PDB file of N, CA and C in Angstrom:
ATOM      1  N   MET A   1     -59.816 -29.084  -7.724  1.00  0.00           N
ATOM      2  CA  MET A   1     -58.509 -28.799  -8.298  1.00  0.00           C
ATOM      3  C   MET A   1     -58.459 -29.410  -9.696  1.00  0.00           C
ATOM      4  N   ARG A   2     -57.889 -28.679 -10.656  1.00  0.00           N
ATOM      5  CA  ARG A   2     -57.805 -29.180 -12.026  1.00  0.00           C
ATOM      6  C   ARG A   2     -56.906 -30.397 -12.090  1.00  0.00           C
ATOM      7  N   GLN A   3     -57.369 -31.423 -12.795  1.00  0.00           N
ATOM      8  CA  GLN A   3     -56.632 -32.679 -12.925  1.00  0.00           C
ATOM      9  C   GLN A   3     -55.304 -32.486 -13.644  1.00  0.00           C
ATOM     10  N   ASP A   4     -55.234 -31.579 -14.620  1.00  0.00           N
ATOM     11  CA  ASP A   4     -54.000 -31.411 -15.383  1.00  0.00           C
ATOM     12  C   ASP A   4     -52.883 -30.766 -14.569  1.00  0.00           C
ATOM     13  N   LEU A   5     -53.201 -30.286 -13.381  1.00  0.00           N
ATOM     14  CA  LEU A   5     -52.182 -29.680 -12.526  1.00  0.00           C
ATOM     15  C   LEU A   5     -51.719 -30.618 -11.415  1.00  0.00           C
ATOM     16  N   VAL A   6     -52.221 -31.836 -11.412  1.00  0.00           N
ATOM     17  CA  VAL A   6     -51.909 -32.772 -10.341  1.00  0.00           C
ATOM     18  C   VAL A   6     -51.031 -33.889 -10.889  1.00  0.00           C
ATOM     19  N   GLN A   7     -49.930 -34.170 -10.186  1.00  0.00           N
ATOM     20  CA  GLN A   7     -49.069 -35.280 -10.568  1.00  0.00           C
ATOM     21  C   GLN A   7     -49.722 -36.578 -10.138  1.00  0.00           C
ATOM     22  N   ASP A   8     -49.245 -37.692 -10.668  1.00  0.00           N
ATOM     23  CA  ASP A   8     -49.819 -39.012 -10.399  1.00  0.00           C
ATOM     24  C   ASP A   8     -50.122 -39.226  -8.928  1.00  0.00           C
ATOM     25  N   GLY A   9     -51.393 -39.290  -8.602  1.00  0.00           N
ATOM     26  CA  GLY A   9     -51.830 -39.634  -7.260  1.00  0.00           C
ATOM     27  C   GLY A   9     -51.601 -38.572  -6.206  1.00  0.00           C
ATOM     28  N   GLU A  10     -51.022 -37.448  -6.551  1.00  0.00           N
ATOM     29  CA  GLU A  10     -50.750 -36.400  -5.570  1.00  0.00           C
ATOM     30  C   GLU A  10     -51.903 -35.408  -5.545  1.00  0.00           C
ATOM     31  N   GLU A  11     -52.037 -34.721  -4.452  1.00  0.00           N
ATOM     32  CA  GLU A  11     -53.108 -33.748  -4.310  1.00  0.00           C
ATOM     33  C   GLU A  11     -52.620 -32.319  -4.522  1.00  0.00           C
ATOM     34  N   GLU A  12     -51.319 -32.105  -4.521  1.00  0.00           N
ATOM     35  CA  GLU A  12     -50.760 -30.767  -4.688  1.00  0.00           C
ATOM     36  C   GLU A  12     -50.512 -30.495  -6.173  1.00  0.00           C
ATOM     37  N   PRO A  13     -50.638 -29.242  -6.598  1.00  0.00           N
ATOM     38  CA  PRO A  13     -50.354 -28.890  -7.993  1.00  0.00           C
ATOM     39  C   PRO A  13     -48.891 -29.170  -8.336  1.00  0.00           C
ATOM     40  N   MET A  14     -48.652 -29.450  -9.617  1.00  0.00           N
ATOM     41  CA  MET A  14     -47.285 -29.684 -10.081  1.00  0.00           C
ATOM     42  C   MET A  14     -46.477 -28.399  -9.963  1.00  0.00           C
ATOM     43  N   THR A  15     -45.222 -28.529  -9.604  1.00  0.00           N
ATOM     44  CA  THR A  15     -44.321 -27.392  -9.517  1.00  0.00           C
ATOM     45  C   THR A  15     -43.769 -27.108 -10.908  1.00  0.00           C
ATOM     46  N   PRO A  16     -43.718 -25.841 -11.328  1.00  0.00           N
ATOM     47  CA  PRO A  16     -43.157 -25.530 -12.639  1.00  0.00           C
ATOM     48  C   PRO A  16     -41.706 -25.990 -12.717  1.00  0.00           C
ATOM     49  N   MET A  17     -41.331 -26.521 -13.871  1.00  0.00           N
ATOM     50  CA  MET A  17     -39.972 -27.003 -14.064  1.00  0.00           C
ATOM     51  C   MET A  17     -39.121 -25.868 -14.637  1.00  0.00           C
ATOM     52  N   THR A  18     -37.962 -25.661 -14.061  1.00  0.00           N
ATOM     53  CA  THR A  18     -37.028 -24.659 -14.543  1.00  0.00           C
ATOM     54  C   THR A  18     -36.098 -25.311 -15.551  1.00  0.00           C
ATOM     55  N   ILE A  19     -35.954 -24.682 -16.698  1.00  0.00           N
ATOM     56  CA  ILE A  19     -35.060 -25.191 -17.732  1.00  0.00           C
ATOM     57  C   ILE A  19     -33.837 -24.288 -17.765  1.00  0.00           C
ATOM     58  N   VAL A  20     -32.674 -24.884 -17.664  1.00  0.00           N
ATOM     59  CA  VAL A  20     -31.424 -24.126 -17.680  1.00  0.00           C
ATOM     60  C   VAL A  20     -30.799 -24.271 -19.062  1.00  0.00           C
ATOM     61  N   VAL A  21     -30.519 -23.138 -19.682  1.00  0.00           N
ATOM     62  CA  VAL A  21     -29.912 -23.120 -21.004  1.00  0.00           C
ATOM     63  C   VAL A  21     -28.704 -22.195 -20.940  1.00  0.00           C
ATOM     64  N   THR A  22     -27.589 -22.647 -21.486  1.00  0.00           N
ATOM     65  CA  THR A  22     -26.387 -21.818 -21.470  1.00  0.00           C
ATOM     66  C   THR A  22     -26.410 -20.816 -22.625  1.00  0.00           C
ATOM     67  N   ARG A  23     -25.591 -19.807 -22.498  1.00  0.00           N
ATOM     68  CA  ARG A  23     -25.448 -18.809 -23.569  1.00  0.00           C
ATOM     69  C   ARG A  23     -25.016 -19.484 -24.866  1.00  0.00           C
ATOM     70  N   ASP A  24     -24.069 -20.408 -24.778  1.00  0.00           N
ATOM     71  CA  ASP A  24     -23.593 -21.114 -25.972  1.00  0.00           C
ATOM     72  C   ASP A  24     -24.718 -21.893 -26.646  1.00  0.00           C
ATOM     73  N   GLU A  25     -25.597 -22.502 -25.851  1.00  0.00           N
ATOM     74  CA  GLU A  25     -26.729 -23.246 -26.409  1.00  0.00           C
ATOM     75  C   GLU A  25     -27.703 -22.310 -27.123  1.00  0.00           C
ATOM     76  N   LEU A  26     -27.921 -21.129 -26.555  1.00  0.00           N
ATOM     77  CA  LEU A  26     -28.815 -20.159 -27.191  1.00  0.00           C
ATOM     78  C   LEU A  26     -28.228 -19.644 -28.502  1.00  0.00           C
ATOM     79  N   VAL A  27     -26.944 -19.360 -28.512  1.00  0.00           N
ATOM     80  CA  VAL A  27     -26.280 -18.894 -29.731  1.00  0.00           C
ATOM     81  C   VAL A  27     -26.333 -19.988 -30.795  1.00  0.00           C
ATOM     82  N   ALA A  28     -26.100 -21.229 -30.388  1.00  0.00           N
ATOM     83  CA  ALA A  28     -26.164 -22.350 -31.330  1.00  0.00           C
ATOM     84  C   ALA A  28     -27.579 -22.505 -31.885  1.00  0.00           C
ATOM     85  N   ARG A  29     -28.577 -22.345 -31.030  1.00  0.00           N
ATOM     86  CA  ARG A  29     -29.970 -22.442 -31.486  1.00  0.00           C
ATOM     87  C   ARG A  29     -30.278 -21.334 -32.487  1.00  0.00           C
ATOM     88  N   ARG A  30     -29.817 -20.123 -32.215  1.00  0.00           N
ATOM     89  CA  ARG A  30     -30.017 -19.017 -33.154  1.00  0.00           C
ATOM     90  C   ARG A  30     -29.371 -19.339 -34.502  1.00  0.00           C
ATOM     91  N   ASN A  31     -28.155 -19.872 -34.472  1.00  0.00           N
ATOM     92  CA  ASN A  31     -27.459 -20.224 -35.710  1.00  0.00           C
ATOM     93  C   ASN A  31     -28.198 -21.313 -36.481  1.00  0.00           C
ATOM     94  N   ARG A  32     -28.747 -22.312 -35.763  1.00  0.00           N
ATOM     95  CA  ARG A  32     -29.507 -23.391 -36.423  1.00  0.00           C
ATOM     96  C   ARG A  32     -30.768 -22.846 -37.090  1.00  0.00           C
ATOM     97  N   ILE A  33     -31.435 -21.922 -36.425  1.00  0.00           N
ATOM     98  CA  ILE A  33     -32.647 -21.324 -36.996  1.00  0.00           C
ATOM     99  C   ILE A  33     -32.305 -20.608 -38.298  1.00  0.00           C
ATOM    100  N   LEU A  34     -31.270 -19.790 -38.269  1.00  0.00           N
ATOM    101  CA  LEU A  34     -30.879 -19.050 -39.467  1.00  0.00           C
ATOM    102  C   LEU A  34     -30.428 -19.994 -40.572  1.00  0.00           C
ATOM    103  N   GLN A  35     -29.693 -21.032 -40.200  1.00  0.00           N
ATOM    104  CA  GLN A  35     -29.219 -22.005 -41.179  1.00  0.00           C
ATOM    105  C   GLN A  35     -30.394 -22.745 -41.819  1.00  0.00           C
ATOM    106  N   SER A  36     -31.403 -23.078 -41.021  1.00  0.00           N
ATOM    107  CA  SER A  36     -32.563 -23.789 -41.565  1.00  0.00           C
ATOM    108  C   SER A  36     -33.334 -22.921 -42.558  1.00  0.00           C
ATOM    109  N   LEU A  37     -33.264 -21.602 -42.385  1.00  0.00           N
ATOM    110  CA  LEU A  37     -33.918 -20.673 -43.310  1.00  0.00           C
ATOM    111  C   LEU A  37     -33.035 -20.356 -44.514  1.00  0.00           C
ATOM    112  N   GLY A  38     -31.754 -20.675 -44.399  1.00  0.00           N
ATOM    113  CA  GLY A  38     -30.819 -20.382 -45.479  1.00  0.00           C
ATOM    114  C   GLY A  38     -30.599 -18.891 -45.668  1.00  0.00           C
ATOM    115  N   THR A  39     -30.554 -18.165 -44.560  1.00  0.00           N
ATOM    116  CA  THR A  39     -30.399 -16.716 -44.630  1.00  0.00           C
ATOM    117  C   THR A  39     -29.509 -16.224 -43.500  1.00  0.00           C
ATOM    118  N   SER A  40     -29.117 -14.986 -43.617  1.00  0.00           N
ATOM    119  CA  SER A  40     -28.348 -14.348 -42.542  1.00  0.00           C
ATOM    120  C   SER A  40     -29.303 -13.543 -41.679  1.00  0.00           C
ATOM    121  N   ILE A  41     -28.846 -13.180 -40.503  1.00  0.00           N
ATOM    122  CA  ILE A  41     -29.691 -12.382 -39.618  1.00  0.00           C
ATOM    123  C   ILE A  41     -29.947 -11.002 -40.225  1.00  0.00           C
ATOM    124  N   GLU A  42     -28.968 -10.465 -40.947  1.00  0.00           N
ATOM    125  CA  GLU A  42     -29.135  -9.156 -41.578  1.00  0.00           C
ATOM    126  C   GLU A  42     -30.214  -9.206 -42.653  1.00  0.00           C
ATOM    127  N   ALA A  43     -30.189 -10.248 -43.501  1.00  0.00           N
ATOM    128  CA  ALA A  43     -31.193 -10.382 -44.563  1.00  0.00           C
ATOM    129  C   ALA A  43     -32.585 -10.590 -43.971  1.00  0.00           C
ATOM    130  N   LEU A  44     -32.670 -11.362 -42.900  1.00  0.00           N
ATOM    131  CA  LEU A  44     -33.959 -11.594 -42.252  1.00  0.00           C
ATOM    132  C   LEU A  44     -34.477 -10.299 -41.629  1.00  0.00           C
ATOM    133  N   ARG A  45     -33.593  -9.518 -41.048  1.00  0.00           N
ATOM    134  CA  ARG A  45     -33.994  -8.220 -40.484  1.00  0.00           C
ATOM    135  C   ARG A  45     -34.556  -7.303 -41.576  1.00  0.00           C
ATOM    136  N   GLU A  46     -33.898  -7.304 -42.741  1.00  0.00           N
ATOM    137  CA  GLU A  46     -34.368  -6.469 -43.849  1.00  0.00           C
ATOM    138  C   GLU A  46     -35.764  -6.891 -44.296  1.00  0.00           C
ATOM    139  N   ARG A  47     -35.999  -8.206 -44.423  1.00  0.00           N
ATOM    140  CA  ARG A  47     -37.327  -8.686 -44.823  1.00  0.00           C
ATOM    141  C   ARG A  47     -38.364  -8.347 -43.756  1.00  0.00           C
ATOM    142  N   ALA A  48     -37.980  -8.447 -42.490  1.00  0.00           N
ATOM    143  CA  ALA A  48     -38.917  -8.121 -41.406  1.00  0.00           C
ATOM    144  C   ALA A  48     -39.282  -6.637 -41.439  1.00  0.00           C
ATOM    145  N   GLU A  49     -38.308  -5.785 -41.716  1.00  0.00           N
ATOM    146  CA  GLU A  49     -38.561  -4.343 -41.780  1.00  0.00           C
ATOM    147  C   GLU A  49     -39.474  -3.982 -42.944  1.00  0.00           C
ATOM    148  N   SER A  50     -39.350  -4.722 -44.047  1.00  0.00           N
ATOM    149  CA  SER A  50     -40.183  -4.435 -45.220  1.00  0.00           C
ATOM    150  C   SER A  50     -41.537  -5.135 -45.142  1.00  0.00           C
ATOM    151  N   GLY A  51     -41.702  -6.007 -44.144  1.00  0.00           N
ATOM    152  CA  GLY A  51     -42.974  -6.706 -43.967  1.00  0.00           C
ATOM    153  C   GLY A  51     -43.180  -7.856 -44.921  1.00  0.00           C
ATOM    154  N   SER A  52     -42.100  -8.405 -45.490  1.00  0.00           N
ATOM    155  CA  SER A  52     -42.251  -9.461 -46.480  1.00  0.00           C
ATOM    156  C   SER A  52     -41.775 -10.856 -46.065  1.00  0.00           C
ATOM    157  N   PRO A  53     -41.539 -11.138 -44.789  1.00  0.00           N
ATOM    158  CA  PRO A  53     -41.128 -12.503 -44.428  1.00  0.00           C
ATOM    159  C   PRO A  53     -42.251 -13.511 -44.675  1.00  0.00           C
ATOM    160  N   SER A  54     -41.849 -14.744 -44.940  1.00  0.00           N
ATOM    161  CA  SER A  54     -42.818 -15.837 -45.082  1.00  0.00           C
ATOM    162  C   SER A  54     -43.346 -16.210 -43.700  1.00  0.00           C
ATOM    163  N   ALA A  55     -44.360 -17.066 -43.669  1.00  0.00           N
ATOM    164  CA  ALA A  55     -44.910 -17.529 -42.384  1.00  0.00           C
ATOM    165  C   ALA A  55     -43.828 -18.234 -41.569  1.00  0.00           C
ATOM    166  N   GLU A  56     -43.007 -19.040 -42.241  1.00  0.00           N
ATOM    167  CA  GLU A  56     -41.913 -19.743 -41.555  1.00  0.00           C
ATOM    168  C   GLU A  56     -40.915 -18.744 -40.967  1.00  0.00           C
ATOM    169  N   GLU A  57     -40.642 -17.685 -41.720  1.00  0.00           N
ATOM    170  CA  GLU A  57     -39.705 -16.670 -41.236  1.00  0.00           C
ATOM    171  C   GLU A  57     -40.289 -15.893 -40.059  1.00  0.00           C
ATOM    172  N   TRP A  58     -41.606 -15.600 -40.084  1.00  0.00           N
ATOM    173  CA  TRP A  58     -42.223 -14.910 -38.945  1.00  0.00           C
ATOM    174  C   TRP A  58     -42.113 -15.759 -37.682  1.00  0.00           C
ATOM    175  N   GLU A  59     -42.309 -17.072 -37.826  1.00  0.00           N
ATOM    176  CA  GLU A  59     -42.174 -17.974 -36.672  1.00  0.00           C
ATOM    177  C   GLU A  59     -40.736 -17.961 -36.161  1.00  0.00           C
ATOM    178  N   ALA A  60     -39.787 -17.987 -37.095  1.00  0.00           N
ATOM    179  CA  ALA A  60     -38.372 -17.944 -36.713  1.00  0.00           C
ATOM    180  C   ALA A  60     -38.043 -16.623 -36.021  1.00  0.00           C
ATOM    181  N   ILE A  61     -38.621 -15.528 -36.511  1.00  0.00           N
ATOM    182  CA  ILE A  61     -38.386 -14.219 -35.901  1.00  0.00           C
ATOM    183  C   ILE A  61     -38.858 -14.220 -34.454  1.00  0.00           C
ATOM    184  N   ALA A  62     -40.008 -14.818 -34.192  1.00  0.00           N
ATOM    185  CA  ALA A  62     -40.510 -14.905 -32.810  1.00  0.00           C
ATOM    186  C   ALA A  62     -39.526 -15.680 -31.939  1.00  0.00           C
ATOM    187  N   ASP A  63     -39.010 -16.802 -32.464  1.00  0.00           N
ATOM    188  CA  ASP A  63     -38.018 -17.583 -31.711  1.00  0.00           C
ATOM    189  C   ASP A  63     -36.743 -16.773 -31.488  1.00  0.00           C
ATOM    190  N   LEU A  64     -36.305 -16.066 -32.521  1.00  0.00           N
ATOM    191  CA  LEU A  64     -35.083 -15.264 -32.413  1.00  0.00           C
ATOM    192  C   LEU A  64     -35.250 -14.119 -31.421  1.00  0.00           C
ATOM    193  N   GLU A  65     -36.442 -13.544 -31.352  1.00  0.00           N
ATOM    194  CA  GLU A  65     -36.700 -12.488 -30.361  1.00  0.00           C
ATOM    195  C   GLU A  65     -36.615 -13.043 -28.942  1.00  0.00           C
ATOM    196  N   GLU A  66     -37.137 -14.261 -28.737  1.00  0.00           N
ATOM    197  CA  GLU A  66     -37.039 -14.896 -27.413  1.00  0.00           C
ATOM    198  C   GLU A  66     -35.586 -15.155 -27.050  1.00  0.00           C
ATOM    199  N   ILE A  67     -34.826 -15.656 -28.013  1.00  0.00           N
ATOM    200  CA  ILE A  67     -33.406 -15.927 -27.779  1.00  0.00           C
ATOM    201  C   ILE A  67     -32.680 -14.622 -27.464  1.00  0.00           C
ATOM    202  N   SER A  68     -32.975 -13.582 -28.220  1.00  0.00           N
ATOM    203  CA  SER A  68     -32.354 -12.277 -27.988  1.00  0.00           C
ATOM    204  C   SER A  68     -32.646 -11.780 -26.580  1.00  0.00           C
ATOM    205  N   PHE A  69     -33.893 -11.948 -26.135  1.00  0.00           N
ATOM    206  CA  PHE A  69     -34.274 -11.548 -24.776  1.00  0.00           C
ATOM    207  C   PHE A  69     -33.460 -12.323 -23.745  1.00  0.00           C
ATOM    208  N   LEU A  70     -33.360 -13.644 -23.927  1.00  0.00           N
ATOM    209  CA  LEU A  70     -32.624 -14.475 -22.969  1.00  0.00           C
ATOM    210  C   LEU A  70     -31.131 -14.164 -22.962  1.00  0.00           C
ATOM    211  N   LEU A  71     -30.611 -13.756 -24.123  1.00  0.00           N
ATOM    212  CA  LEU A  71     -29.197 -13.385 -24.207  1.00  0.00           C
ATOM    213  C   LEU A  71     -28.960 -11.960 -23.716  1.00  0.00           C
ATOM    214  N   ASP A  72     -30.051 -11.258 -23.392  1.00  0.00           N
ATOM    215  CA  ASP A  72     -29.990  -9.867 -22.946  1.00  0.00           C
ATOM    216  C   ASP A  72     -29.455  -8.965 -24.048  1.00  0.00           C
ATOM    217  N   ASP A  73     -29.784  -9.335 -25.303  1.00  0.00           N
ATOM    218  CA  ASP A  73     -29.463  -8.478 -26.435  1.00  0.00           C
ATOM    219  C   ASP A  73     -30.506  -7.371 -26.485  1.00  0.00           C
ATOM    220  N   SER A  74     -30.427  -6.536 -27.472  1.00  0.00           N
ATOM    221  CA  SER A  74     -31.381  -5.442 -27.619  1.00  0.00           C
ATOM    222  C   SER A  74     -32.811  -5.972 -27.586  1.00  0.00           C
ATOM    223  N   ALA A  75     -33.656  -5.365 -26.781  1.00  0.00           N
ATOM    224  CA  ALA A  75     -35.021  -5.849 -26.576  1.00  0.00           C
ATOM    225  C   ALA A  75     -35.892  -5.705 -27.818  1.00  0.00           C
ATOM    226  N   ASP A  76     -35.570  -4.762 -28.706  1.00  0.00           N
ATOM    227  CA  ASP A  76     -36.418  -4.539 -29.875  1.00  0.00           C
ATOM    228  C   ASP A  76     -35.844  -5.163 -31.140  1.00  0.00           C
ATOM    229  N   ASP A  77     -34.923  -6.068 -30.994  1.00  0.00           N
ATOM    230  CA  ASP A  77     -34.249  -6.666 -32.139  1.00  0.00           C
ATOM    231  C   ASP A  77     -34.126  -8.168 -31.936  1.00  0.00           C
ATOM    232  N   PHE A  78     -33.731  -8.849 -32.973  1.00  0.00           N
ATOM    233  CA  PHE A  78     -33.491 -10.293 -32.864  1.00  0.00           C
ATOM    234  C   PHE A  78     -32.170 -10.667 -33.444  1.00  0.00           C
TER     235      PHE A  78
END
């Protein structure tokens, strides 16, 4: 059995931990991401469509897509 899957001294694999996040927390996280970039979601969408986002913006887009999925927003948008 792989050592990284075993808790201290136990022989059974570690159980995956479930993280609970509220809708308000996800919306706040989305707002913080946009604020850290100094842009609006509309402006970021335009840059993404034109293929000109920076590396930092591409990373933020990936995070925003995950948040959108968790919020059950449009699957092809962020």
